[in-house]
Amino acid sequence: MTLEAQGGAVVIVLTHQGDKAGGIASASTNRLRECIELGTVYEATVTSISGGQVQVRIKAVRH
């Protein structure tokens, strides 16, 4: 996961092997972004796929 500026906002971008895989839409996005800015590294695991919507479980792997 990385942070990226898009249209004047900072968004959370999921990557897979260096390629953009998508973004995060969640009520906890602001808190997650703050933690990434403070250096926490996260890993996302796909839990379900329905059409273009992919659900992931996110966990911290390094603080």
PDB file of N, CA and C in Angstrom:
ATOM      1  N   MET A   1       0.834  -1.172   0.000  1.00  0.00           N
ATOM      2  CA  MET A   1       0.000   0.000   0.000  1.00  0.00           C
ATOM      3  C   MET A   1       0.880   1.237   0.000  1.00  0.00           C
ATOM      4  N   THR A   2       0.474   2.215  -0.769  1.00  0.00           N
ATOM      5  CA  THR A   2       1.193   3.476  -0.828  1.00  0.00           C
ATOM      6  C   THR A   2       0.197   4.622  -0.824  1.00  0.00           C
ATOM      7  N   LEU A   3       0.710   5.805  -0.591  1.00  0.00           N
ATOM      8  CA  LEU A   3      -0.107   7.016  -0.670  1.00  0.00           C
ATOM      9  C   LEU A   3       0.223   7.710  -1.975  1.00  0.00           C
ATOM     10  N   GLU A   4      -0.800   8.293  -2.602  1.00  0.00           N
ATOM     11  CA  GLU A   4      -0.601   8.968  -3.878  1.00  0.00           C
ATOM     12  C   GLU A   4      -1.520  10.184  -3.950  1.00  0.00           C
ATOM     13  N   ALA A   5      -0.980  11.302  -4.440  1.00  0.00           N
ATOM     14  CA  ALA A   5      -1.793  12.504  -4.626  1.00  0.00           C
ATOM     15  C   ALA A   5      -2.589  12.366  -5.913  1.00  0.00           C
ATOM     16  N   GLN A   6      -3.918  12.556  -5.810  1.00  0.00           N
ATOM     17  CA  GLN A   6      -4.790  12.501  -6.982  1.00  0.00           C
ATOM     18  C   GLN A   6      -5.838  13.592  -6.857  1.00  0.00           C
ATOM     19  N   GLY A   7      -5.833  14.507  -7.786  1.00  0.00           N
ATOM     20  CA  GLY A   7      -6.839  15.565  -7.805  1.00  0.00           C
ATOM     21  C   GLY A   7      -6.903  16.389  -6.536  1.00  0.00           C
ATOM     22  N   GLY A   8      -5.766  16.685  -5.941  1.00  0.00           N
ATOM     23  CA  GLY A   8      -5.727  17.503  -4.730  1.00  0.00           C
ATOM     24  C   GLY A   8      -5.963  16.737  -3.446  1.00  0.00           C
ATOM     25  N   ALA A   9      -6.177  15.424  -3.526  1.00  0.00           N
ATOM     26  CA  ALA A   9      -6.373  14.604  -2.330  1.00  0.00           C
ATOM     27  C   ALA A   9      -5.307  13.516  -2.287  1.00  0.00           C
ATOM     28  N   VAL A  10      -5.022  13.029  -1.089  1.00  0.00           N
ATOM     29  CA  VAL A  10      -4.099  11.912  -0.932  1.00  0.00           C
ATOM     30  C   VAL A  10      -4.940  10.649  -0.763  1.00  0.00           C
ATOM     31  N   VAL A  11      -4.699   9.665  -1.617  1.00  0.00           N
ATOM     32  CA  VAL A  11      -5.470   8.426  -1.584  1.00  0.00           C
ATOM     33  C   VAL A  11      -4.555   7.242  -1.294  1.00  0.00           C
ATOM     34  N   ILE A  12      -5.160   6.174  -0.785  1.00  0.00           N
ATOM     35  CA  ILE A  12      -4.422   4.951  -0.503  1.00  0.00           C
ATOM     36  C   ILE A  12      -4.532   4.053  -1.724  1.00  0.00           C
ATOM     37  N   VAL A  13      -3.389   3.632  -2.254  1.00  0.00           N
ATOM     38  CA  VAL A  13      -3.337   2.804  -3.448  1.00  0.00           C
ATOM     39  C   VAL A  13      -2.783   1.436  -3.083  1.00  0.00           C
ATOM     40  N   LEU A  14      -3.495   0.388  -3.468  1.00  0.00           N
ATOM     41  CA  LEU A  14      -2.997  -0.980  -3.301  1.00  0.00           C
ATOM     42  C   LEU A  14      -2.136  -1.320  -4.494  1.00  0.00           C
ATOM     43  N   THR A  15      -1.021  -1.972  -4.232  1.00  0.00           N
ATOM     44  CA  THR A  15      -0.142  -2.403  -5.309  1.00  0.00           C
ATOM     45  C   THR A  15       0.099  -3.906  -5.196  1.00  0.00           C
ATOM     46  N   HIS A  16       0.400  -4.504  -6.323  1.00  0.00           N
ATOM     47  CA  HIS A  16       0.772  -5.920  -6.366  1.00  0.00           C
ATOM     48  C   HIS A  16       1.973  -6.035  -7.278  1.00  0.00           C
ATOM     49  N   GLN A  17       3.090  -6.463  -6.726  1.00  0.00           N
ATOM     50  CA  GLN A  17       4.342  -6.586  -7.463  1.00  0.00           C
ATOM     51  C   GLN A  17       4.697  -5.282  -8.173  1.00  0.00           C
ATOM     52  N   GLY A  18       4.458  -4.169  -7.500  1.00  0.00           N
ATOM     53  CA  GLY A  18       4.820  -2.860  -8.023  1.00  0.00           C
ATOM     54  C   GLY A  18       3.793  -2.207  -8.935  1.00  0.00           C
ATOM     55  N   ASP A  19       2.758  -2.927  -9.326  1.00  0.00           N
ATOM     56  CA  ASP A  19       1.715  -2.385 -10.196  1.00  0.00           C
ATOM     57  C   ASP A  19       0.508  -1.957  -9.372  1.00  0.00           C
ATOM     58  N   LYS A  20      -0.166  -0.880  -9.786  1.00  0.00           N
ATOM     59  CA  LYS A  20      -1.379  -0.440  -9.111  1.00  0.00           C
ATOM     60  C   LYS A  20      -2.463  -1.496  -9.280  1.00  0.00           C
ATOM     61  N   ALA A  21      -3.082  -1.872  -8.149  1.00  0.00           N
ATOM     62  CA  ALA A  21      -4.143  -2.873  -8.190  1.00  0.00           C
ATOM     63  C   ALA A  21      -5.498  -2.270  -7.849  1.00  0.00           C
ATOM     64  N   GLY A  22      -5.521  -1.099  -7.221  1.00  0.00           N
ATOM     65  CA  GLY A  22      -6.779  -0.469  -6.856  1.00  0.00           C
ATOM     66  C   GLY A  22      -6.594   0.485  -5.698  1.00  0.00           C
ATOM     67  N   GLY A  23      -7.710   0.964  -5.174  1.00  0.00           N
ATOM     68  CA  GLY A  23      -7.677   1.896  -4.051  1.00  0.00           C
ATOM     69  C   GLY A  23      -8.567   1.400  -2.931  1.00  0.00           C
ATOM     70  N   ILE A  24      -8.499   2.076  -1.800  1.00  0.00           N
ATOM     71  CA  ILE A  24      -9.269   1.685  -0.617  1.00  0.00           C
ATOM     72  C   ILE A  24     -10.447   2.632  -0.446  1.00  0.00           C
ATOM     73  N   ALA A  25     -11.629   2.066  -0.238  1.00  0.00           N
ATOM     74  CA  ALA A  25     -12.829   2.823   0.107  1.00  0.00           C
ATOM     75  C   ALA A  25     -13.349   2.252   1.422  1.00  0.00           C
ATOM     76  N   SER A  26     -13.224   3.029   2.485  1.00  0.00           N
ATOM     77  CA  SER A  26     -13.618   2.555   3.815  1.00  0.00           C
ATOM     78  C   SER A  26     -13.846   3.751   4.727  1.00  0.00           C
ATOM     79  N   ALA A  27     -14.645   3.546   5.747  1.00  0.00           N
ATOM     80  CA  ALA A  27     -14.848   4.594   6.743  1.00  0.00           C
ATOM     81  C   ALA A  27     -13.570   4.857   7.530  1.00  0.00           C
ATOM     82  N   SER A  28     -12.637   3.914   7.516  1.00  0.00           N
ATOM     83  CA  SER A  28     -11.379   4.043   8.268  1.00  0.00           C
ATOM     84  C   SER A  28     -10.226   4.554   7.414  1.00  0.00           C
ATOM     85  N   THR A  29     -10.514   5.024   6.213  1.00  0.00           N
ATOM     86  CA  THR A  29      -9.456   5.445   5.300  1.00  0.00           C
ATOM     87  C   THR A  29      -8.575   6.546   5.879  1.00  0.00           C
ATOM     88  N   ASN A  30      -9.177   7.547   6.527  1.00  0.00           N
ATOM     89  CA  ASN A  30      -8.371   8.644   7.076  1.00  0.00           C
ATOM     90  C   ASN A  30      -7.378   8.146   8.114  1.00  0.00           C
ATOM     91  N   ARG A  31      -7.826   7.275   9.007  1.00  0.00           N
ATOM     92  CA  ARG A  31      -6.936   6.736  10.049  1.00  0.00           C
ATOM     93  C   ARG A  31      -5.845   5.873   9.427  1.00  0.00           C
ATOM     94  N   LEU A  32      -6.189   5.068   8.460  1.00  0.00           N
ATOM     95  CA  LEU A  32      -5.210   4.226   7.775  1.00  0.00           C
ATOM     96  C   LEU A  32      -4.158   5.094   7.093  1.00  0.00           C
ATOM     97  N   ARG A  33      -4.597   6.150   6.418  1.00  0.00           N
ATOM     98  CA  ARG A  33      -3.655   7.069   5.754  1.00  0.00           C
ATOM     99  C   ARG A  33      -2.715   7.706   6.759  1.00  0.00           C
ATOM    100  N   GLU A  34      -3.235   8.139   7.906  1.00  0.00           N
ATOM    101  CA  GLU A  34      -2.394   8.733   8.950  1.00  0.00           C
ATOM    102  C   GLU A  34      -1.337   7.749   9.437  1.00  0.00           C
ATOM    103  N   CYS A  35      -1.719   6.501   9.633  1.00  0.00           N
ATOM    104  CA  CYS A  35      -0.765   5.493  10.102  1.00  0.00           C
ATOM    105  C   CYS A  35       0.314   5.213   9.057  1.00  0.00           C
ATOM    106  N   ILE A  36      -0.069   5.172   7.782  1.00  0.00           N
ATOM    107  CA  ILE A  36       0.913   4.982   6.714  1.00  0.00           C
ATOM    108  C   ILE A  36       1.892   6.152   6.701  1.00  0.00           C
ATOM    109  N   GLU A  37       1.381   7.376   6.859  1.00  0.00           N
ATOM    110  CA  GLU A  37       2.249   8.562   6.890  1.00  0.00           C
ATOM    111  C   GLU A  37       3.228   8.501   8.057  1.00  0.00           C
ATOM    112  N   LEU A  38       2.841   7.853   9.162  1.00  0.00           N
ATOM    113  CA  LEU A  38       3.708   7.724  10.332  1.00  0.00           C
ATOM    114  C   LEU A  38       4.656   6.530  10.237  1.00  0.00           C
ATOM    115  N   GLY A  39       4.562   5.772   9.136  1.00  0.00           N
ATOM    116  CA  GLY A  39       5.531   4.704   8.901  1.00  0.00           C
ATOM    117  C   GLY A  39       5.027   3.280   9.055  1.00  0.00           C
ATOM    118  N   THR A  40       3.769   3.083   9.404  1.00  0.00           N
ATOM    119  CA  THR A  40       3.252   1.722   9.509  1.00  0.00           C
ATOM    120  C   THR A  40       3.109   1.126   8.111  1.00  0.00           C
ATOM    121  N   VAL A  41       3.567  -0.111   7.960  1.00  0.00           N
ATOM    122  CA  VAL A  41       3.476  -0.818   6.685  1.00  0.00           C
ATOM    123  C   VAL A  41       2.364  -1.854   6.818  1.00  0.00           C
ATOM    124  N   TYR A  42       1.513  -1.932   5.805  1.00  0.00           N
ATOM    125  CA  TYR A  42       0.365  -2.827   5.833  1.00  0.00           C
ATOM    126  C   TYR A  42       0.421  -3.824   4.687  1.00  0.00           C
ATOM    127  N   GLU A  43      -0.302  -4.927   4.877  1.00  0.00           N
ATOM    128  CA  GLU A  43      -0.459  -5.945   3.856  1.00  0.00           C
ATOM    129  C   GLU A  43      -1.952  -6.204   3.699  1.00  0.00           C
ATOM    130  N   ALA A  44      -2.417  -6.349   2.477  1.00  0.00           N
ATOM    131  CA  ALA A  44      -3.836  -6.621   2.221  1.00  0.00           C
ATOM    132  C   ALA A  44      -3.975  -8.007   1.603  1.00  0.00           C
ATOM    133  N   THR A  45      -4.963  -8.752   2.090  1.00  0.00           N
ATOM    134  CA  THR A  45      -5.264 -10.081   1.571  1.00  0.00           C
ATOM    135  C   THR A  45      -6.679 -10.064   0.996  1.00  0.00           C
ATOM    136  N   VAL A  46      -6.836 -10.518  -0.226  1.00  0.00           N
ATOM    137  CA  VAL A  46      -8.155 -10.570  -0.859  1.00  0.00           C
ATOM    138  C   VAL A  46      -9.019 -11.603  -0.137  1.00  0.00           C
ATOM    139  N   THR A  47     -10.235 -11.161   0.275  1.00  0.00           N
ATOM    140  CA  THR A  47     -11.164 -12.077   0.944  1.00  0.00           C
ATOM    141  C   THR A  47     -12.356 -12.433   0.070  1.00  0.00           C
ATOM    142  N   SER A  48     -12.713 -11.585  -0.896  1.00  0.00           N
ATOM    143  CA  SER A  48     -13.788 -11.916  -1.831  1.00  0.00           C
ATOM    144  C   SER A  48     -13.726 -11.006  -3.051  1.00  0.00           C
ATOM    145  N   ILE A  49     -14.252 -11.505  -4.149  1.00  0.00           N
ATOM    146  CA  ILE A  49     -14.323 -10.753  -5.397  1.00  0.00           C
ATOM    147  C   ILE A  49     -15.736 -10.899  -5.946  1.00  0.00           C
ATOM    148  N   SER A  50     -16.356  -9.754  -6.294  1.00  0.00           N
ATOM    149  CA  SER A  50     -17.693  -9.760  -6.879  1.00  0.00           C
ATOM    150  C   SER A  50     -17.712  -8.722  -7.991  1.00  0.00           C
ATOM    151  N   GLY A  51     -17.589  -9.179  -9.224  1.00  0.00           N
ATOM    152  CA  GLY A  51     -17.494  -8.251 -10.346  1.00  0.00           C
ATOM    153  C   GLY A  51     -16.228  -7.417 -10.206  1.00  0.00           C
ATOM    154  N   GLY A  52     -16.394  -6.099 -10.231  1.00  0.00           N
ATOM    155  CA  GLY A  52     -15.252  -5.208 -10.079  1.00  0.00           C
ATOM    156  C   GLY A  52     -14.940  -4.844  -8.641  1.00  0.00           C
ATOM    157  N   GLN A  53     -15.740  -5.338  -7.701  1.00  0.00           N
ATOM    158  CA  GLN A  53     -15.524  -5.019  -6.289  1.00  0.00           C
ATOM    159  C   GLN A  53     -14.727  -6.138  -5.622  1.00  0.00           C
ATOM    160  N   VAL A  54     -13.641  -5.749  -4.975  1.00  0.00           N
ATOM    161  CA  VAL A  54     -12.776  -6.704  -4.288  1.00  0.00           C
ATOM    162  C   VAL A  54     -12.697  -6.301  -2.828  1.00  0.00           C
ATOM    163  N   GLN A  55     -12.984  -7.240  -1.935  1.00  0.00           N
ATOM    164  CA  GLN A  55     -12.853  -6.972  -0.505  1.00  0.00           C
ATOM    165  C   GLN A  55     -11.519  -7.519  -0.030  1.00  0.00           C
ATOM    166  N   VAL A  56     -10.868  -6.738   0.837  1.00  0.00           N
ATOM    167  CA  VAL A  56      -9.570  -7.144   1.363  1.00  0.00           C
ATOM    168  C   VAL A  56      -9.554  -7.028   2.875  1.00  0.00           C
ATOM    169  N   ARG A  57      -8.720  -7.814   3.501  1.00  0.00           N
ATOM    170  CA  ARG A  57      -8.432  -7.703   4.926  1.00  0.00           C
ATOM    171  C   ARG A  57      -7.053  -7.061   5.028  1.00  0.00           C
ATOM    172  N   ILE A  58      -6.960  -5.997   5.813  1.00  0.00           N
ATOM    173  CA  ILE A  58      -5.716  -5.246   5.935  1.00  0.00           C
ATOM    174  C   ILE A  58      -5.136  -5.457   7.326  1.00  0.00           C
ATOM    175  N   LYS A  59      -3.819  -5.747   7.369  1.00  0.00           N
ATOM    176  CA  LYS A  59      -3.164  -5.889   8.674  1.00  0.00           C
ATOM    177  C   LYS A  59      -1.798  -5.220   8.628  1.00  0.00           C
ATOM    178  N   ALA A  60      -1.413  -4.696   9.776  1.00  0.00           N
ATOM    179  CA  ALA A  60      -0.101  -4.064   9.895  1.00  0.00           C
ATOM    180  C   ALA A  60       0.962  -5.168   9.923  1.00  0.00           C
ATOM    181  N   VAL A  61       2.042  -4.966   9.162  1.00  0.00           N
ATOM    182  CA  VAL A  61       3.137  -5.937   9.167  1.00  0.00           C
ATOM    183  C   VAL A  61       4.407  -5.350   9.764  1.00  0.00           C
ATOM    184  N   ARG A  62       4.437  -4.020   9.913  1.00  0.00           N
ATOM    185  CA  ARG A  62       5.607  -3.372  10.535  1.00  0.00           C
ATOM    186  C   ARG A  62       5.183  -1.993  11.024  1.00  0.00           C
ATOM    187  N   HIS A  63       5.559  -1.679  12.249  1.00  0.00           N
ATOM    188  CA  HIS A  63       5.243  -0.364  12.830  1.00  0.00           C
ATOM    189  C   HIS A  63       6.458   0.521  12.817  1.00  0.00           C
TER     190      HIS A  63
END
